[in-house]
Amino acid sequence: MRYIETEKMRKKIPDYYIGKIHGYEARKIIEDYELNYNIGTAVSYLLRANRKHETSKECIEKAREHLRFELERLELLEKPSYVYKGVKA
């Protein structure tokens, strides 16, 4: 694990969330691209897929589920009668 300095505290970040070559953190990539929860979580699972477990299967399946959640959310927004957070689609 690496320790990343913040202004307020030291924070542990598992190595599988940090790129090997440039040291980018998954969460910072997600933030920089302004991804929503479902897409950001899917990206996070994919970024760590070959690094956390013996095979990437579990992480890829989790990413697929979050992408499915996002597709379901988008389909709901396309329905004319659906109201999302007070905004009618």
N, C-alpha and C. Protein backbone atom coordinates (compact mmCIF):
# COMPACT_ATOMS: atom_id res chain seq x y z
N MET A 1 0.83 -1.18 0.00
CA MET A 1 0.00 0.00 0.00
C MET A 1 0.87 1.24 0.00
N ARG A 2 0.40 2.24 -0.69
CA ARG A 2 1.08 3.53 -0.67
C ARG A 2 0.34 4.46 0.27
N TYR A 3 1.05 5.41 0.77
CA TYR A 3 0.43 6.44 1.60
C TYR A 3 0.42 7.72 0.81
N ILE A 4 -0.76 8.29 0.66
CA ILE A 4 -0.91 9.54 -0.07
C ILE A 4 -1.12 10.65 0.95
N GLU A 5 -0.32 11.68 0.84
CA GLU A 5 -0.43 12.82 1.76
C GLU A 5 -1.61 13.70 1.36
N THR A 6 -2.41 14.04 2.31
CA THR A 6 -3.43 15.06 2.11
C THR A 6 -3.14 16.14 3.14
N GLU A 7 -3.83 17.24 3.03
CA GLU A 7 -3.59 18.33 3.97
C GLU A 7 -3.99 17.94 5.38
N LYS A 8 -5.01 17.11 5.51
CA LYS A 8 -5.52 16.81 6.84
C LYS A 8 -5.02 15.50 7.42
N MET A 9 -4.66 14.53 6.57
CA MET A 9 -4.28 13.23 7.12
C MET A 9 -3.56 12.38 6.09
N ARG A 10 -2.93 11.32 6.56
CA ARG A 10 -2.35 10.33 5.67
C ARG A 10 -3.43 9.30 5.39
N LYS A 11 -3.53 8.91 4.16
CA LYS A 11 -4.60 8.00 3.76
C LYS A 11 -4.00 6.79 3.05
N LYS A 12 -4.43 5.61 3.46
CA LYS A 12 -3.97 4.40 2.80
C LYS A 12 -4.75 4.19 1.51
N ILE A 13 -4.04 3.95 0.44
CA ILE A 13 -4.68 3.63 -0.83
C ILE A 13 -4.06 2.34 -1.33
N PRO A 14 -4.88 1.30 -1.51
CA PRO A 14 -4.33 0.02 -1.97
C PRO A 14 -3.64 0.17 -3.32
N ASP A 15 -2.55 -0.57 -3.51
CA ASP A 15 -1.77 -0.50 -4.75
C ASP A 15 -2.60 -0.81 -5.99
N TYR A 16 -3.62 -1.65 -5.84
CA TYR A 16 -4.39 -2.02 -7.04
C TYR A 16 -5.26 -0.87 -7.54
N TYR A 17 -5.33 0.24 -6.81
CA TYR A 17 -6.05 1.42 -7.27
C TYR A 17 -5.11 2.51 -7.80
N ILE A 18 -3.82 2.20 -7.87
CA ILE A 18 -2.83 3.18 -8.32
C ILE A 18 -2.10 2.60 -9.53
N GLY A 19 -2.04 3.37 -10.62
CA GLY A 19 -1.36 2.92 -11.83
C GLY A 19 0.13 2.70 -11.58
N LYS A 20 0.67 1.69 -12.22
CA LYS A 20 2.07 1.32 -12.02
C LYS A 20 3.05 2.28 -12.69
N ILE A 21 2.69 2.81 -13.84
CA ILE A 21 3.64 3.64 -14.60
C ILE A 21 3.59 5.10 -14.17
N HIS A 22 2.41 5.70 -14.18
CA HIS A 22 2.29 7.13 -13.88
C HIS A 22 1.80 7.42 -12.46
N GLY A 23 1.35 6.40 -11.75
CA GLY A 23 0.90 6.59 -10.38
C GLY A 23 -0.46 7.25 -10.23
N TYR A 24 -1.26 7.23 -11.30
CA TYR A 24 -2.59 7.82 -11.21
C TYR A 24 -3.48 7.00 -10.29
N GLU A 25 -4.25 7.68 -9.49
CA GLU A 25 -5.22 7.00 -8.62
C GLU A 25 -6.54 6.87 -9.37
N ALA A 26 -7.18 5.71 -9.24
CA ALA A 26 -8.46 5.47 -9.92
C ALA A 26 -9.46 6.56 -9.59
N ARG A 27 -9.57 6.92 -8.33
CA ARG A 27 -10.58 7.91 -7.92
C ARG A 27 -10.33 9.27 -8.55
N LYS A 28 -9.08 9.61 -8.78
CA LYS A 28 -8.77 10.91 -9.38
C LYS A 28 -9.08 10.90 -10.88
N ILE A 29 -8.89 9.78 -11.53
CA ILE A 29 -9.26 9.64 -12.94
C ILE A 29 -10.77 9.81 -13.07
N ILE A 30 -11.50 9.13 -12.21
CA ILE A 30 -12.97 9.19 -12.22
C ILE A 30 -13.44 10.62 -11.96
N GLU A 31 -12.83 11.27 -11.00
CA GLU A 31 -13.19 12.66 -10.68
C GLU A 31 -12.87 13.59 -11.84
N ASP A 32 -11.70 13.41 -12.44
CA ASP A 32 -11.28 14.28 -13.53
C ASP A 32 -12.23 14.19 -14.73
N TYR A 33 -12.76 13.02 -14.98
CA TYR A 33 -13.70 12.82 -16.10
C TYR A 33 -15.15 13.10 -15.69
N GLU A 34 -15.35 13.47 -14.44
CA GLU A 34 -16.69 13.80 -13.92
C GLU A 34 -17.70 12.68 -14.15
N LEU A 35 -17.28 11.46 -13.85
CA LEU A 35 -18.15 10.31 -14.05
C LEU A 35 -19.13 10.20 -12.89
N ASN A 36 -20.34 9.74 -13.20
CA ASN A 36 -21.32 9.55 -12.13
C ASN A 36 -20.98 8.27 -11.36
N TYR A 37 -21.78 7.97 -10.34
CA TYR A 37 -21.48 6.85 -9.46
C TYR A 37 -21.36 5.52 -10.22
N ASN A 38 -22.36 5.18 -11.01
CA ASN A 38 -22.35 3.87 -11.67
C ASN A 38 -21.20 3.71 -12.65
N ILE A 39 -20.99 4.71 -13.47
CA ILE A 39 -19.91 4.63 -14.46
C ILE A 39 -18.55 4.69 -13.76
N GLY A 40 -18.43 5.56 -12.77
CA GLY A 40 -17.18 5.66 -12.02
C GLY A 40 -16.82 4.37 -11.31
N THR A 41 -17.81 3.73 -10.72
CA THR A 41 -17.57 2.47 -10.03
C THR A 41 -17.16 1.39 -11.02
N ALA A 42 -17.82 1.35 -12.18
CA ALA A 42 -17.45 0.38 -13.22
C ALA A 42 -16.00 0.60 -13.67
N VAL A 43 -15.63 1.85 -13.89
CA VAL A 43 -14.26 2.16 -14.31
C VAL A 43 -13.27 1.73 -13.22
N SER A 44 -13.60 1.98 -11.98
CA SER A 44 -12.74 1.60 -10.87
C SER A 44 -12.51 0.08 -10.85
N TYR A 45 -13.59 -0.68 -11.01
CA TYR A 45 -13.46 -2.13 -11.06
C TYR A 45 -12.60 -2.57 -12.24
N LEU A 46 -12.75 -1.95 -13.38
CA LEU A 46 -11.97 -2.32 -14.55
C LEU A 46 -10.50 -1.97 -14.39
N LEU A 47 -10.22 -0.82 -13.77
CA LEU A 47 -8.83 -0.42 -13.56
C LEU A 47 -8.09 -1.38 -12.64
N ARG A 48 -8.79 -1.96 -11.69
CA ARG A 48 -8.13 -2.88 -10.76
C ARG A 48 -8.26 -4.35 -11.17
N ALA A 49 -8.95 -4.62 -12.26
CA ALA A 49 -9.33 -5.98 -12.63
C ALA A 49 -8.18 -6.97 -12.66
N ASN A 50 -7.06 -6.61 -13.17
CA ASN A 50 -5.93 -7.55 -13.26
C ASN A 50 -5.01 -7.50 -12.06
N ARG A 51 -5.38 -6.73 -11.04
CA ARG A 51 -4.45 -6.51 -9.94
C ARG A 51 -4.94 -6.96 -8.58
N LYS A 52 -6.24 -7.08 -8.37
CA LYS A 52 -6.73 -7.37 -7.02
C LYS A 52 -6.86 -8.87 -6.74
N HIS A 53 -7.37 -9.62 -7.69
CA HIS A 53 -7.62 -11.05 -7.50
C HIS A 53 -6.76 -11.87 -8.46
N GLU A 54 -6.81 -13.18 -8.31
CA GLU A 54 -6.04 -14.04 -9.21
C GLU A 54 -6.49 -13.89 -10.66
N THR A 55 -7.81 -13.75 -10.86
CA THR A 55 -8.32 -13.51 -12.21
C THR A 55 -9.12 -12.21 -12.19
N SER A 56 -9.33 -11.67 -13.35
CA SER A 56 -10.07 -10.41 -13.45
C SER A 56 -11.57 -10.61 -13.51
N LYS A 57 -12.03 -11.84 -13.52
CA LYS A 57 -13.44 -12.15 -13.73
C LYS A 57 -14.36 -11.44 -12.73
N GLU A 58 -14.06 -11.51 -11.46
CA GLU A 58 -14.93 -10.91 -10.43
C GLU A 58 -15.09 -9.40 -10.63
N CYS A 59 -13.99 -8.73 -10.88
CA CYS A 59 -14.04 -7.27 -11.07
C CYS A 59 -14.80 -6.91 -12.34
N ILE A 60 -14.61 -7.68 -13.40
CA ILE A 60 -15.32 -7.42 -14.65
C ILE A 60 -16.81 -7.63 -14.48
N GLU A 61 -17.19 -8.67 -13.74
CA GLU A 61 -18.61 -8.90 -13.48
C GLU A 61 -19.23 -7.76 -12.68
N LYS A 62 -18.49 -7.26 -11.68
CA LYS A 62 -18.99 -6.14 -10.88
C LYS A 62 -19.13 -4.89 -11.76
N ALA A 63 -18.15 -4.65 -12.62
CA ALA A 63 -18.22 -3.50 -13.53
C ALA A 63 -19.43 -3.62 -14.44
N ARG A 64 -19.67 -4.81 -14.95
CA ARG A 64 -20.81 -5.04 -15.83
C ARG A 64 -22.12 -4.74 -15.11
N GLU A 65 -22.21 -5.12 -13.84
CA GLU A 65 -23.43 -4.85 -13.07
C GLU A 65 -23.66 -3.35 -12.93
N HIS A 66 -22.62 -2.61 -12.65
CA HIS A 66 -22.79 -1.15 -12.50
C HIS A 66 -23.12 -0.49 -13.83
N LEU A 67 -22.61 -1.02 -14.92
CA LEU A 67 -23.00 -0.50 -16.23
C LEU A 67 -24.46 -0.82 -16.51
N ARG A 68 -24.91 -2.00 -16.09
CA ARG A 68 -26.32 -2.36 -16.23
C ARG A 68 -27.19 -1.42 -15.42
N PHE A 69 -26.75 -1.10 -14.18
CA PHE A 69 -27.50 -0.15 -13.34
C PHE A 69 -27.64 1.20 -14.05
N GLU A 70 -26.54 1.64 -14.68
CA GLU A 70 -26.56 2.92 -15.38
C GLU A 70 -27.49 2.88 -16.58
N LEU A 71 -27.47 1.79 -17.32
CA LEU A 71 -28.39 1.66 -18.46
C LEU A 71 -29.84 1.67 -18.00
N GLU A 72 -30.12 1.02 -16.88
CA GLU A 72 -31.48 1.04 -16.33
C GLU A 72 -31.88 2.46 -15.95
N ARG A 73 -30.96 3.19 -15.35
CA ARG A 73 -31.23 4.58 -14.95
C ARG A 73 -31.53 5.44 -16.18
N LEU A 74 -30.73 5.26 -17.23
CA LEU A 74 -30.93 6.03 -18.45
C LEU A 74 -32.26 5.67 -19.13
N GLU A 75 -32.61 4.41 -19.09
CA GLU A 75 -33.89 3.99 -19.66
C GLU A 75 -35.06 4.62 -18.90
N LEU A 76 -34.94 4.71 -17.58
CA LEU A 76 -35.98 5.37 -16.79
C LEU A 76 -36.10 6.84 -17.15
N LEU A 77 -34.97 7.49 -17.36
CA LEU A 77 -34.98 8.90 -17.71
C LEU A 77 -35.62 9.16 -19.07
N GLU A 78 -35.56 8.18 -19.95
CA GLU A 78 -36.15 8.32 -21.28
C GLU A 78 -37.68 8.24 -21.27
N LYS A 79 -38.24 7.68 -20.20
CA LYS A 79 -39.69 7.57 -20.11
C LYS A 79 -40.28 8.96 -19.85
N PRO A 80 -41.25 9.37 -20.64
CA PRO A 80 -41.80 10.73 -20.51
C PRO A 80 -42.44 11.02 -19.15
N SER A 81 -42.94 10.01 -18.48
CA SER A 81 -43.63 10.25 -17.22
C SER A 81 -42.71 10.14 -16.01
N TYR A 82 -41.44 9.85 -16.21
CA TYR A 82 -40.52 9.65 -15.09
C TYR A 82 -39.96 10.97 -14.59
N VAL A 83 -39.98 11.16 -13.29
CA VAL A 83 -39.41 12.35 -12.67
C VAL A 83 -38.19 11.93 -11.87
N TYR A 84 -37.03 12.52 -12.17
CA TYR A 84 -35.77 12.19 -11.51
C TYR A 84 -35.32 13.41 -10.73
N LYS A 85 -35.29 13.27 -9.41
CA LYS A 85 -34.84 14.37 -8.53
C LYS A 85 -35.56 15.67 -8.86
N GLY A 86 -36.85 15.57 -9.05
CA GLY A 86 -37.64 16.77 -9.28
C GLY A 86 -37.59 17.30 -10.70
N VAL A 87 -36.86 16.63 -11.58
CA VAL A 87 -36.76 17.08 -12.97
C VAL A 87 -37.43 16.05 -13.85
N LYS A 88 -38.43 16.48 -14.59
CA LYS A 88 -39.11 15.57 -15.49
C LYS A 88 -38.30 15.38 -16.74
N ALA A 89 -38.14 14.13 -17.14
CA ALA A 89 -37.34 13.81 -18.34
C ALA A 89 -38.09 14.18 -19.60
